[in-house]
Amino acid sequence: MRLPFLALAVSLAAVSPAAAASFACAKAETPDEKTICDTRSLNDLDVEMAVRFDILKDLLPMGNRTKMQDDQEAWLKDRRACGTDVACLNAAYESRLKVLRGVLSEFAKQGGQ
């Protein structure tokens, strides 16, 4: 069970100040994507969110994975609604990260079952 947490720690540690968002900034089209690419703190939150999401989707059973994917898609729509509002985007990321951290914590408490 320690292996996924080690992978998470290594992945998060690898996110250096030079890291890019979880999507190609050169192809950013929407106002929220452009703002994320232009704002270091949002960029960092985006990378953390993507790492946590990727780890969880590989750990969770299929039904939970599907729900998490649906929740992520709903969250992305909410994020897009923020447009260029940095405070709104920051709040959206903090809210989503709280959920993902909670899911990971629950998974750990259950011993990965």
PDB file of N, CA and C in Angstrom:
ATOM      1  N   MET A   1       0.814  -1.201   0.000  1.00  0.00           N
ATOM      2  CA  MET A   1       0.000   0.000   0.000  1.00  0.00           C
ATOM      3  C   MET A   1       0.856   1.262   0.000  1.00  0.00           C
ATOM      4  N   ARG A   2       2.060   1.155   0.446  1.00  0.00           N
ATOM      5  CA  ARG A   2       2.910   2.340   0.479  1.00  0.00           C
ATOM      6  C   ARG A   2       3.368   2.773  -0.903  1.00  0.00           C
ATOM      7  N   LEU A   3       3.392   1.852  -1.841  1.00  0.00           N
ATOM      8  CA  LEU A   3       3.868   2.165  -3.177  1.00  0.00           C
ATOM      9  C   LEU A   3       3.082   3.298  -3.836  1.00  0.00           C
ATOM     10  N   PRO A   4       1.736   3.306  -3.824  1.00  0.00           N
ATOM     11  CA  PRO A   4       1.027   4.427  -4.452  1.00  0.00           C
ATOM     12  C   PRO A   4       1.346   5.766  -3.795  1.00  0.00           C
ATOM     13  N   PHE A   5       1.522   5.763  -2.478  1.00  0.00           N
ATOM     14  CA  PHE A   5       1.827   7.022  -1.804  1.00  0.00           C
ATOM     15  C   PHE A   5       3.238   7.474  -2.120  1.00  0.00           C
ATOM     16  N   LEU A   6       4.143   6.519  -2.262  1.00  0.00           N
ATOM     17  CA  LEU A   6       5.498   6.847  -2.670  1.00  0.00           C
ATOM     18  C   LEU A   6       5.476   7.439  -4.069  1.00  0.00           C
ATOM     19  N   ALA A   7       4.692   6.830  -4.953  1.00  0.00           N
ATOM     20  CA  ALA A   7       4.572   7.347  -6.319  1.00  0.00           C
ATOM     21  C   ALA A   7       3.998   8.756  -6.311  1.00  0.00           C
ATOM     22  N   LEU A   8       3.004   9.001  -5.456  1.00  0.00           N
ATOM     23  CA  LEU A   8       2.421  10.338  -5.356  1.00  0.00           C
ATOM     24  C   LEU A   8       3.454  11.332  -4.863  1.00  0.00           C
ATOM     25  N   ALA A   9       4.186  10.962  -3.828  1.00  0.00           N
ATOM     26  CA  ALA A   9       5.199  11.859  -3.268  1.00  0.00           C
ATOM     27  C   ALA A   9       6.269  12.181  -4.303  1.00  0.00           C
ATOM     28  N   VAL A  10       6.722  11.167  -5.015  1.00  0.00           N
ATOM     29  CA  VAL A  10       7.738  11.379  -6.039  1.00  0.00           C
ATOM     30  C   VAL A  10       7.179  12.251  -7.160  1.00  0.00           C
ATOM     31  N   SER A  11       5.946  11.985  -7.565  1.00  0.00           N
ATOM     32  CA  SER A  11       5.332  12.768  -8.632  1.00  0.00           C
ATOM     33  C   SER A  11       5.177  14.224  -8.240  1.00  0.00           C
ATOM     34  N   LEU A  12       4.731  14.463  -7.016  1.00  0.00           N
ATOM     35  CA  LEU A  12       4.545  15.837  -6.565  1.00  0.00           C
ATOM     36  C   LEU A  12       5.881  16.533  -6.372  1.00  0.00           C
ATOM     37  N   ALA A  13       6.878  15.796  -5.914  1.00  0.00           N
ATOM     38  CA  ALA A  13       8.204  16.377  -5.737  1.00  0.00           C
ATOM     39  C   ALA A  13       8.818  16.748  -7.083  1.00  0.00           C
ATOM     40  N   ALA A  14       8.457  16.005  -8.112  1.00  0.00           N
ATOM     41  CA  ALA A  14       9.006  16.249  -9.444  1.00  0.00           C
ATOM     42  C   ALA A  14       8.411  17.495 -10.088  1.00  0.00           C
ATOM     43  N   VAL A  15       7.348  18.015  -9.520  1.00  0.00           N
ATOM     44  CA  VAL A  15       6.721  19.219 -10.050  1.00  0.00           C
ATOM     45  C   VAL A  15       7.567  20.407  -9.627  1.00  0.00           C
ATOM     46  N   SER A  16       8.429  20.810 -10.501  1.00  0.00           N
ATOM     47  CA  SER A  16       9.336  21.909 -10.204  1.00  0.00           C
ATOM     48  C   SER A  16       8.710  23.222 -10.639  1.00  0.00           C
ATOM     49  N   PRO A  17       9.305  24.330 -10.259  1.00  0.00           N
ATOM     50  CA  PRO A  17       8.777  25.621 -10.703  1.00  0.00           C
ATOM     51  C   PRO A  17       8.710  25.746 -12.220  1.00  0.00           C
ATOM     52  N   ALA A  18       9.497  24.954 -12.933  1.00  0.00           N
ATOM     53  CA  ALA A  18       9.481  25.026 -14.385  1.00  0.00           C
ATOM     54  C   ALA A  18       8.408  24.130 -15.001  1.00  0.00           C
ATOM     55  N   ALA A  19       7.675  23.395 -14.175  1.00  0.00           N
ATOM     56  CA  ALA A  19       6.666  22.479 -14.692  1.00  0.00           C
ATOM     57  C   ALA A  19       5.534  23.241 -15.366  1.00  0.00           C
ATOM     58  N   ALA A  20       4.971  22.603 -16.361  1.00  0.00           N
ATOM     59  CA  ALA A  20       3.858  23.211 -17.089  1.00  0.00           C
ATOM     60  C   ALA A  20       2.551  22.645 -16.575  1.00  0.00           C
ATOM     61  N   ALA A  21       1.467  23.261 -16.983  1.00  0.00           N
ATOM     62  CA  ALA A  21       0.135  22.778 -16.629  1.00  0.00           C
ATOM     63  C   ALA A  21      -0.036  21.353 -17.144  1.00  0.00           C
ATOM     64  N   SER A  22      -1.124  20.714 -16.732  1.00  0.00           N
ATOM     65  CA  SER A  22      -1.373  19.324 -17.128  1.00  0.00           C
ATOM     66  C   SER A  22      -1.812  19.217 -18.587  1.00  0.00           C
ATOM     67  N   PHE A  23      -1.940  20.322 -19.248  1.00  0.00           N
ATOM     68  CA  PHE A  23      -2.310  20.352 -20.657  1.00  0.00           C
ATOM     69  C   PHE A  23      -1.290  21.215 -21.396  1.00  0.00           C
ATOM     70  N   ALA A  24      -1.284  21.129 -22.687  1.00  0.00           N
ATOM     71  CA  ALA A  24      -0.316  21.875 -23.494  1.00  0.00           C
ATOM     72  C   ALA A  24      -0.682  23.354 -23.538  1.00  0.00           C
ATOM     73  N   CYS A  25       0.104  24.174 -22.857  1.00  0.00           N
ATOM     74  CA  CYS A  25      -0.182  25.609 -22.825  1.00  0.00           C
ATOM     75  C   CYS A  25      -0.110  26.232 -24.220  1.00  0.00           C
ATOM     76  N   ALA A  26       0.716  25.679 -25.069  1.00  0.00           N
ATOM     77  CA  ALA A  26       0.818  26.202 -26.434  1.00  0.00           C
ATOM     78  C   ALA A  26      -0.502  26.040 -27.196  1.00  0.00           C
ATOM     79  N   LYS A  27      -1.334  25.099 -26.749  1.00  0.00           N
ATOM     80  CA  LYS A  27      -2.620  24.852 -27.393  1.00  0.00           C
ATOM     81  C   LYS A  27      -3.793  25.373 -26.574  1.00  0.00           C
ATOM     82  N   ALA A  28      -3.506  26.110 -25.498  1.00  0.00           N
ATOM     83  CA  ALA A  28      -4.577  26.650 -24.659  1.00  0.00           C
ATOM     84  C   ALA A  28      -5.463  27.569 -25.494  1.00  0.00           C
ATOM     85  N   GLU A  29      -6.764  27.324 -25.418  1.00  0.00           N
ATOM     86  CA  GLU A  29      -7.703  28.107 -26.222  1.00  0.00           C
ATOM     87  C   GLU A  29      -8.691  28.893 -25.380  1.00  0.00           C
ATOM     88  N   THR A  30      -9.126  28.309 -24.272  1.00  0.00           N
ATOM     89  CA  THR A  30     -10.167  28.947 -23.468  1.00  0.00           C
ATOM     90  C   THR A  30      -9.541  29.940 -22.482  1.00  0.00           C
ATOM     91  N   PRO A  31     -10.322  30.936 -22.052  1.00  0.00           N
ATOM     92  CA  PRO A  31      -9.785  31.921 -21.119  1.00  0.00           C
ATOM     93  C   PRO A  31      -9.226  31.293 -19.830  1.00  0.00           C
ATOM     94  N   ASP A  32      -9.913  30.256 -19.310  1.00  0.00           N
ATOM     95  CA  ASP A  32      -9.412  29.630 -18.080  1.00  0.00           C
ATOM     96  C   ASP A  32      -8.071  28.952 -18.323  1.00  0.00           C
ATOM     97  N   GLU A  33      -7.914  28.250 -19.442  1.00  0.00           N
ATOM     98  CA  GLU A  33      -6.648  27.586 -19.753  1.00  0.00           C
ATOM     99  C   GLU A  33      -5.515  28.603 -19.900  1.00  0.00           C
ATOM    100  N   LYS A  34      -5.778  29.690 -20.595  1.00  0.00           N
ATOM    101  CA  LYS A  34      -4.746  30.720 -20.786  1.00  0.00           C
ATOM    102  C   LYS A  34      -4.349  31.346 -19.449  1.00  0.00           C
ATOM    103  N   THR A  35      -5.327  31.575 -18.588  1.00  0.00           N
ATOM    104  CA  THR A  35      -5.040  32.157 -17.278  1.00  0.00           C
ATOM    105  C   THR A  35      -4.230  31.192 -16.427  1.00  0.00           C
ATOM    106  N   ILE A  36      -4.559  29.909 -16.491  1.00  0.00           N
ATOM    107  CA  ILE A  36      -3.807  28.889 -15.744  1.00  0.00           C
ATOM    108  C   ILE A  36      -2.358  28.871 -16.216  1.00  0.00           C
ATOM    109  N   CYS A  37      -2.155  28.920 -17.506  1.00  0.00           N
ATOM    110  CA  CYS A  37      -0.795  28.904 -18.049  1.00  0.00           C
ATOM    111  C   CYS A  37      -0.010  30.163 -17.680  1.00  0.00           C
ATOM    112  N   ASP A  38      -0.696  31.281 -17.540  1.00  0.00           N
ATOM    113  CA  ASP A  38      -0.043  32.553 -17.240  1.00  0.00           C
ATOM    114  C   ASP A  38       0.134  32.824 -15.754  1.00  0.00           C
ATOM    115  N   THR A  39      -0.460  31.983 -14.901  1.00  0.00           N
ATOM    116  CA  THR A  39      -0.431  32.226 -13.448  1.00  0.00           C
ATOM    117  C   THR A  39       0.229  31.043 -12.759  1.00  0.00           C
ATOM    118  N   ARG A  40       1.443  31.258 -12.245  1.00  0.00           N
ATOM    119  CA  ARG A  40       2.242  30.175 -11.665  1.00  0.00           C
ATOM    120  C   ARG A  40       1.476  29.384 -10.611  1.00  0.00           C
ATOM    121  N   SER A  41       0.789  30.054  -9.693  1.00  0.00           N
ATOM    122  CA  SER A  41       0.097  29.336  -8.617  1.00  0.00           C
ATOM    123  C   SER A  41      -1.019  28.445  -9.164  1.00  0.00           C
ATOM    124  N   LEU A  42      -1.730  28.909 -10.183  1.00  0.00           N
ATOM    125  CA  LEU A  42      -2.773  28.091 -10.802  1.00  0.00           C
ATOM    126  C   LEU A  42      -2.154  26.931 -11.583  1.00  0.00           C
ATOM    127  N   ASN A  43      -1.063  27.213 -12.243  1.00  0.00           N
ATOM    128  CA  ASN A  43      -0.347  26.181 -12.978  1.00  0.00           C
ATOM    129  C   ASN A  43       0.054  25.054 -12.028  1.00  0.00           C
ATOM    130  N   ASP A  44       0.603  25.422 -10.871  1.00  0.00           N
ATOM    131  CA  ASP A  44       1.023  24.424  -9.885  1.00  0.00           C
ATOM    132  C   ASP A  44      -0.163  23.628  -9.347  1.00  0.00           C
ATOM    133  N   LEU A  45      -1.283  24.302  -9.084  1.00  0.00           N
ATOM    134  CA  LEU A  45      -2.483  23.609  -8.611  1.00  0.00           C
ATOM    135  C   LEU A  45      -3.002  22.646  -9.678  1.00  0.00           C
ATOM    136  N   ASP A  46      -2.924  23.065 -10.933  1.00  0.00           N
ATOM    137  CA  ASP A  46      -3.384  22.210 -12.022  1.00  0.00           C
ATOM    138  C   ASP A  46      -2.542  20.933 -12.103  1.00  0.00           C
ATOM    139  N   VAL A  47      -1.246  21.071 -11.961  1.00  0.00           N
ATOM    140  CA  VAL A  47      -0.370  19.898 -12.009  1.00  0.00           C
ATOM    141  C   VAL A  47      -0.664  18.972 -10.834  1.00  0.00           C
ATOM    142  N   GLU A  48      -0.803  19.540  -9.636  1.00  0.00           N
ATOM    143  CA  GLU A  48      -1.113  18.702  -8.468  1.00  0.00           C
ATOM    144  C   GLU A  48      -2.435  17.972  -8.664  1.00  0.00           C
ATOM    145  N   MET A  49      -3.439  18.687  -9.143  1.00  0.00           N
ATOM    146  CA  MET A  49      -4.751  18.072  -9.359  1.00  0.00           C
ATOM    147  C   MET A  49      -4.648  16.934 -10.367  1.00  0.00           C
ATOM    148  N   ALA A  50      -3.936  17.140 -11.443  1.00  0.00           N
ATOM    149  CA  ALA A  50      -3.804  16.111 -12.480  1.00  0.00           C
ATOM    150  C   ALA A  50      -3.073  14.875 -11.956  1.00  0.00           C
ATOM    151  N   VAL A  51      -2.027  15.082 -11.173  1.00  0.00           N
ATOM    152  CA  VAL A  51      -1.276  13.957 -10.606  1.00  0.00           C
ATOM    153  C   VAL A  51      -2.164  13.146  -9.674  1.00  0.00           C
ATOM    154  N   ARG A  52      -2.858  13.830  -8.779  1.00  0.00           N
ATOM    155  CA  ARG A  52      -3.740  13.129  -7.839  1.00  0.00           C
ATOM    156  C   ARG A  52      -4.852  12.388  -8.587  1.00  0.00           C
ATOM    157  N   PHE A  53      -5.437  13.038  -9.566  1.00  0.00           N
ATOM    158  CA  PHE A  53      -6.509  12.416 -10.345  1.00  0.00           C
ATOM    159  C   PHE A  53      -5.997  11.154 -11.050  1.00  0.00           C
ATOM    160  N   ASP A  54      -4.839  11.254 -11.690  1.00  0.00           N
ATOM    161  CA  ASP A  54      -4.282  10.097 -12.404  1.00  0.00           C
ATOM    162  C   ASP A  54      -3.985   8.935 -11.464  1.00  0.00           C
ATOM    163  N   ILE A  55      -3.450   9.222 -10.288  1.00  0.00           N
ATOM    164  CA  ILE A  55      -3.160   8.158  -9.326  1.00  0.00           C
ATOM    165  C   ILE A  55      -4.456   7.505  -8.862  1.00  0.00           C
ATOM    166  N   LEU A  56      -5.442   8.318  -8.538  1.00  0.00           N
ATOM    167  CA  LEU A  56      -6.704   7.769  -8.042  1.00  0.00           C
ATOM    168  C   LEU A  56      -7.438   6.958  -9.097  1.00  0.00           C
ATOM    169  N   LYS A  57      -7.417   7.399 -10.334  1.00  0.00           N
ATOM    170  CA  LYS A  57      -8.161   6.650 -11.354  1.00  0.00           C
ATOM    171  C   LYS A  57      -7.555   5.268 -11.564  1.00  0.00           C
ATOM    172  N   ASP A  58      -6.278   5.106 -11.267  1.00  0.00           N
ATOM    173  CA  ASP A  58      -5.649   3.794 -11.378  1.00  0.00           C
ATOM    174  C   ASP A  58      -5.875   2.933 -10.138  1.00  0.00           C
ATOM    175  N   LEU A  59      -6.192   3.551  -9.007  1.00  0.00           N
ATOM    176  CA  LEU A  59      -6.362   2.820  -7.753  1.00  0.00           C
ATOM    177  C   LEU A  59      -7.802   2.415  -7.467  1.00  0.00           C
ATOM    178  N   LEU A  60      -8.743   3.216  -7.901  1.00  0.00           N
ATOM    179  CA  LEU A  60     -10.138   2.996  -7.531  1.00  0.00           C
ATOM    180  C   LEU A  60     -10.793   1.904  -8.374  1.00  0.00           C
ATOM    181  N   PRO A  61     -11.773   1.214  -7.790  1.00  0.00           N
ATOM    182  CA  PRO A  61     -12.542   0.230  -8.557  1.00  0.00           C
ATOM    183  C   PRO A  61     -13.322   0.932  -9.679  1.00  0.00           C
ATOM    184  N   MET A  62     -13.730   0.177 -10.677  1.00  0.00           N
ATOM    185  CA  MET A  62     -14.347   0.725 -11.882  1.00  0.00           C
ATOM    186  C   MET A  62     -15.514   1.678 -11.595  1.00  0.00           C
ATOM    187  N   GLY A  63     -16.460   1.297 -10.747  1.00  0.00           N
ATOM    188  CA  GLY A  63     -17.611   2.157 -10.465  1.00  0.00           C
ATOM    189  C   GLY A  63     -17.204   3.492  -9.867  1.00  0.00           C
ATOM    190  N   ASN A  64     -16.270   3.459  -8.952  1.00  0.00           N
ATOM    191  CA  ASN A  64     -15.782   4.694  -8.328  1.00  0.00           C
ATOM    192  C   ASN A  64     -14.991   5.525  -9.335  1.00  0.00           C
ATOM    193  N   ARG A  65     -14.269   4.848 -10.205  1.00  0.00           N
ATOM    194  CA  ARG A  65     -13.495   5.537 -11.232  1.00  0.00           C
ATOM    195  C   ARG A  65     -14.418   6.316 -12.165  1.00  0.00           C
ATOM    196  N   THR A  66     -15.537   5.678 -12.543  1.00  0.00           N
ATOM    197  CA  THR A  66     -16.494   6.324 -13.439  1.00  0.00           C
ATOM    198  C   THR A  66     -17.092   7.559 -12.780  1.00  0.00           C
ATOM    199  N   LYS A  67     -17.462   7.446 -11.513  1.00  0.00           N
ATOM    200  CA  LYS A  67     -18.007   8.597 -10.792  1.00  0.00           C
ATOM    201  C   LYS A  67     -16.981   9.709 -10.693  1.00  0.00           C
ATOM    202  N   MET A  68     -15.735   9.341 -10.383  1.00  0.00           N
ATOM    203  CA  MET A  68     -14.687  10.357 -10.269  1.00  0.00           C
ATOM    204  C   MET A  68     -14.480  11.057 -11.609  1.00  0.00           C
ATOM    205  N   GLN A  69     -14.542  10.321 -12.712  1.00  0.00           N
ATOM    206  CA  GLN A  69     -14.396  10.914 -14.040  1.00  0.00           C
ATOM    207  C   GLN A  69     -15.563  11.856 -14.338  1.00  0.00           C
ATOM    208  N   ASP A  70     -16.772  11.432 -13.997  1.00  0.00           N
ATOM    209  CA  ASP A  70     -17.942  12.301 -14.195  1.00  0.00           C
ATOM    210  C   ASP A  70     -17.821  13.580 -13.364  1.00  0.00           C
ATOM    211  N   ASP A  71     -17.384  13.424 -12.121  1.00  0.00           N
ATOM    212  CA  ASP A  71     -17.186  14.589 -11.250  1.00  0.00           C
ATOM    213  C   ASP A  71     -16.126  15.530 -11.826  1.00  0.00           C
ATOM    214  N   GLN A  72     -15.066  14.949 -12.394  1.00  0.00           N
ATOM    215  CA  GLN A  72     -13.996  15.756 -12.981  1.00  0.00           C
ATOM    216  C   GLN A  72     -14.516  16.550 -14.174  1.00  0.00           C
ATOM    217  N   GLU A  73     -15.321  15.920 -14.995  1.00  0.00           N
ATOM    218  CA  GLU A  73     -15.880  16.620 -16.158  1.00  0.00           C
ATOM    219  C   GLU A  73     -16.807  17.753 -15.727  1.00  0.00           C
ATOM    220  N   ALA A  74     -17.593  17.521 -14.677  1.00  0.00           N
ATOM    221  CA  ALA A  74     -18.459  18.589 -14.148  1.00  0.00           C
ATOM    222  C   ALA A  74     -17.610  19.717 -13.587  1.00  0.00           C
ATOM    223  N   TRP A  75     -16.533  19.347 -12.900  1.00  0.00           N
ATOM    224  CA  TRP A  75     -15.635  20.356 -12.333  1.00  0.00           C
ATOM    225  C   TRP A  75     -14.991  21.188 -13.438  1.00  0.00           C
ATOM    226  N   LEU A  76     -14.588  20.550 -14.529  1.00  0.00           N
ATOM    227  CA  LEU A  76     -13.975  21.294 -15.632  1.00  0.00           C
ATOM    228  C   LEU A  76     -14.942  22.331 -16.210  1.00  0.00           C
ATOM    229  N   LYS A  77     -16.225  21.993 -16.277  1.00  0.00           N
ATOM    230  CA  LYS A  77     -17.220  22.971 -16.742  1.00  0.00           C
ATOM    231  C   LYS A  77     -17.294  24.152 -15.782  1.00  0.00           C
ATOM    232  N   ASP A  78     -17.276  23.857 -14.493  1.00  0.00           N
ATOM    233  CA  ASP A  78     -17.285  24.928 -13.490  1.00  0.00           C
ATOM    234  C   ASP A  78     -16.029  25.785 -13.598  1.00  0.00           C
ATOM    235  N   ARG A  79     -14.887  25.127 -13.811  1.00  0.00           N
ATOM    236  CA  ARG A  79     -13.620  25.859 -13.944  1.00  0.00           C
ATOM    237  C   ARG A  79     -13.681  26.787 -15.145  1.00  0.00           C
ATOM    238  N   ARG A  80     -14.213  26.288 -16.250  1.00  0.00           N
ATOM    239  CA  ARG A  80     -14.317  27.121 -17.459  1.00  0.00           C
ATOM    240  C   ARG A  80     -15.165  28.366 -17.217  1.00  0.00           C
ATOM    241  N   ALA A  81     -16.177  28.219 -16.371  1.00  0.00           N
ATOM    242  CA  ALA A  81     -17.065  29.349 -16.077  1.00  0.00           C
ATOM    243  C   ALA A  81     -16.326  30.475 -15.356  1.00  0.00           C
ATOM    244  N   CYS A  82     -15.193  30.166 -14.743  1.00  0.00           N
ATOM    245  CA  CYS A  82     -14.402  31.201 -14.061  1.00  0.00           C
ATOM    246  C   CYS A  82     -13.740  32.150 -15.049  1.00  0.00           C
ATOM    247  N   GLY A  83     -13.548  31.703 -16.265  1.00  0.00           N
ATOM    248  CA  GLY A  83     -12.886  32.549 -17.258  1.00  0.00           C
ATOM    249  C   GLY A  83     -11.501  32.952 -16.796  1.00  0.00           C
ATOM    250  N   THR A  84     -11.243  34.259 -16.752  1.00  0.00           N
ATOM    251  CA  THR A  84      -9.924  34.771 -16.373  1.00  0.00           C
ATOM    252  C   THR A  84      -9.847  35.183 -14.907  1.00  0.00           C
ATOM    253  N   ASP A  85     -10.876  34.901 -14.134  1.00  0.00           N
ATOM    254  CA  ASP A  85     -10.937  35.287 -12.727  1.00  0.00           C
ATOM    255  C   ASP A  85     -10.022  34.373 -11.895  1.00  0.00           C
ATOM    256  N   VAL A  86      -8.854  34.877 -11.535  1.00  0.00           N
ATOM    257  CA  VAL A  86      -7.846  34.091 -10.818  1.00  0.00           C
ATOM    258  C   VAL A  86      -8.384  33.601  -9.476  1.00  0.00           C
ATOM    259  N   ALA A  87      -9.093  34.449  -8.741  1.00  0.00           N
ATOM    260  CA  ALA A  87      -9.631  34.046  -7.439  1.00  0.00           C
ATOM    261  C   ALA A  87     -10.633  32.907  -7.601  1.00  0.00           C
ATOM    262  N   CYS A  88     -11.471  32.981  -8.606  1.00  0.00           N
ATOM    263  CA  CYS A  88     -12.455  31.935  -8.885  1.00  0.00           C
ATOM    264  C   CYS A  88     -11.752  30.626  -9.263  1.00  0.00           C
ATOM    265  N   LEU A  89     -10.747  30.724 -10.117  1.00  0.00           N
ATOM    266  CA  LEU A  89      -9.994  29.537 -10.516  1.00  0.00           C
ATOM    267  C   LEU A  89      -9.276  28.914  -9.322  1.00  0.00           C
ATOM    268  N   ASN A  90      -8.680  29.754  -8.498  1.00  0.00           N
ATOM    269  CA  ASN A  90      -7.995  29.256  -7.306  1.00  0.00           C
ATOM    270  C   ASN A  90      -8.976  28.522  -6.395  1.00  0.00           C
ATOM    271  N   ALA A  91     -10.136  29.102  -6.178  1.00  0.00           N
ATOM    272  CA  ALA A  91     -11.157  28.471  -5.331  1.00  0.00           C
ATOM    273  C   ALA A  91     -11.623  27.143  -5.937  1.00  0.00           C
ATOM    274  N   ALA A  92     -11.768  27.112  -7.252  1.00  0.00           N
ATOM    275  CA  ALA A  92     -12.184  25.873  -7.925  1.00  0.00           C
ATOM    276  C   ALA A  92     -11.146  24.776  -7.717  1.00  0.00           C
ATOM    277  N   TYR A  93      -9.883  25.123  -7.890  1.00  0.00           N
ATOM    278  CA  TYR A  93      -8.829  24.128  -7.677  1.00  0.00           C
ATOM    279  C   TYR A  93      -8.765  23.672  -6.228  1.00  0.00           C
ATOM    280  N   GLU A  94      -8.835  24.599  -5.302  1.00  0.00           N
ATOM    281  CA  GLU A  94      -8.764  24.218  -3.886  1.00  0.00           C
ATOM    282  C   GLU A  94      -9.920  23.288  -3.517  1.00  0.00           C
ATOM    283  N   SER A  95     -11.090  23.578  -4.045  1.00  0.00           N
ATOM    284  CA  SER A  95     -12.259  22.741  -3.779  1.00  0.00           C
ATOM    285  C   SER A  95     -12.076  21.342  -4.361  1.00  0.00           C
ATOM    286  N   ARG A  96     -11.608  21.266  -5.591  1.00  0.00           N
ATOM    287  CA  ARG A  96     -11.416  19.958  -6.233  1.00  0.00           C
ATOM    288  C   ARG A  96     -10.302  19.173  -5.553  1.00  0.00           C
ATOM    289  N   LEU A  97      -9.227  19.848  -5.203  1.00  0.00           N
ATOM    290  CA  LEU A  97      -8.125  19.172  -4.519  1.00  0.00           C
ATOM    291  C   LEU A  97      -8.552  18.647  -3.152  1.00  0.00           C
ATOM    292  N   LYS A  98      -9.416  19.372  -2.477  1.00  0.00           N
ATOM    293  CA  LYS A  98      -9.922  18.900  -1.179  1.00  0.00           C
ATOM    294  C   LYS A  98     -10.651  17.566  -1.363  1.00  0.00           C
ATOM    295  N   VAL A  99     -11.455  17.464  -2.406  1.00  0.00           N
ATOM    296  CA  VAL A  99     -12.179  16.224  -2.697  1.00  0.00           C
ATOM    297  C   VAL A  99     -11.197  15.099  -3.024  1.00  0.00           C
ATOM    298  N   LEU A 100     -10.246  15.367  -3.924  1.00  0.00           N
ATOM    299  CA  LEU A 100      -9.302  14.330  -4.335  1.00  0.00           C
ATOM    300  C   LEU A 100      -8.426  13.880  -3.173  1.00  0.00           C
ATOM    301  N   ARG A 101      -8.005  14.827  -2.344  1.00  0.00           N
ATOM    302  CA  ARG A 101      -7.216  14.465  -1.158  1.00  0.00           C
ATOM    303  C   ARG A 101      -8.037  13.598  -0.218  1.00  0.00           C
ATOM    304  N   GLY A 102      -9.316  13.927  -0.069  1.00  0.00           N
ATOM    305  CA  GLY A 102     -10.203  13.151   0.790  1.00  0.00           C
ATOM    306  C   GLY A 102     -10.403  11.734   0.279  1.00  0.00           C
ATOM    307  N   VAL A 103     -10.574  11.580  -1.018  1.00  0.00           N
ATOM    308  CA  VAL A 103     -10.738  10.248  -1.610  1.00  0.00           C
ATOM    309  C   VAL A 103      -9.474   9.428  -1.383  1.00  0.00           C
ATOM    310  N   LEU A 104      -8.323  10.046  -1.590  1.00  0.00           N
ATOM    311  CA  LEU A 104      -7.063   9.343  -1.386  1.00  0.00           C
ATOM    312  C   LEU A 104      -6.895   8.955   0.081  1.00  0.00           C
ATOM    313  N   SER A 105      -7.280   9.832   0.969  1.00  0.00           N
ATOM    314  CA  SER A 105      -7.192   9.549   2.405  1.00  0.00           C
ATOM    315  C   SER A 105      -8.100   8.380   2.785  1.00  0.00           C
ATOM    316  N   GLU A 106      -9.326   8.372   2.271  1.00  0.00           N
ATOM    317  CA  GLU A 106     -10.256   7.274   2.544  1.00  0.00           C
ATOM    318  C   GLU A 106      -9.737   5.964   1.981  1.00  0.00           C
ATOM    319  N   PHE A 107      -9.181   6.042   0.802  1.00  0.00           N
ATOM    320  CA  PHE A 107      -8.621   4.839   0.179  1.00  0.00           C
ATOM    321  C   PHE A 107      -7.502   4.278   1.065  1.00  0.00           C
ATOM    322  N   ALA A 108      -6.660   5.158   1.586  1.00  0.00           N
ATOM    323  CA  ALA A 108      -5.559   4.733   2.449  1.00  0.00           C
ATOM    324  C   ALA A 108      -6.084   4.116   3.747  1.00  0.00           C
ATOM    325  N   LYS A 109      -7.122   4.714   4.324  1.00  0.00           N
ATOM    326  CA  LYS A 109      -7.701   4.193   5.571  1.00  0.00           C
ATOM    327  C   LYS A 109      -8.261   2.792   5.378  1.00  0.00           C
ATOM    328  N   GLN A 110      -8.780   2.516   4.197  1.00  0.00           N
ATOM    329  CA  GLN A 110      -9.368   1.215   3.905  1.00  0.00           C
ATOM    330  C   GLN A 110      -8.321   0.220   3.441  1.00  0.00           C
ATOM    331  N   GLY A 111      -7.093   0.631   3.408  1.00  0.00           N
ATOM    332  CA  GLY A 111      -6.032  -0.279   3.003  1.00  0.00           C
ATOM    333  C   GLY A 111      -6.050  -0.606   1.526  1.00  0.00           C
ATOM    334  N   GLY A 112      -6.608   0.285   0.732  1.00  0.00           N
ATOM    335  CA  GLY A 112      -6.620   0.085  -0.717  1.00  0.00           C
ATOM    336  C   GLY A 112      -7.660  -0.897  -1.201  1.00  0.00           C
ATOM    337  N   GLN A 113      -8.676  -1.171  -0.400  1.00  0.00           N
ATOM    338  CA  GLN A 113      -9.687  -2.156  -0.793  1.00  0.00           C
ATOM    339  C   GLN A 113     -10.933  -1.506  -1.310  1.00  0.00           C
TER     340      GLN A 113
END
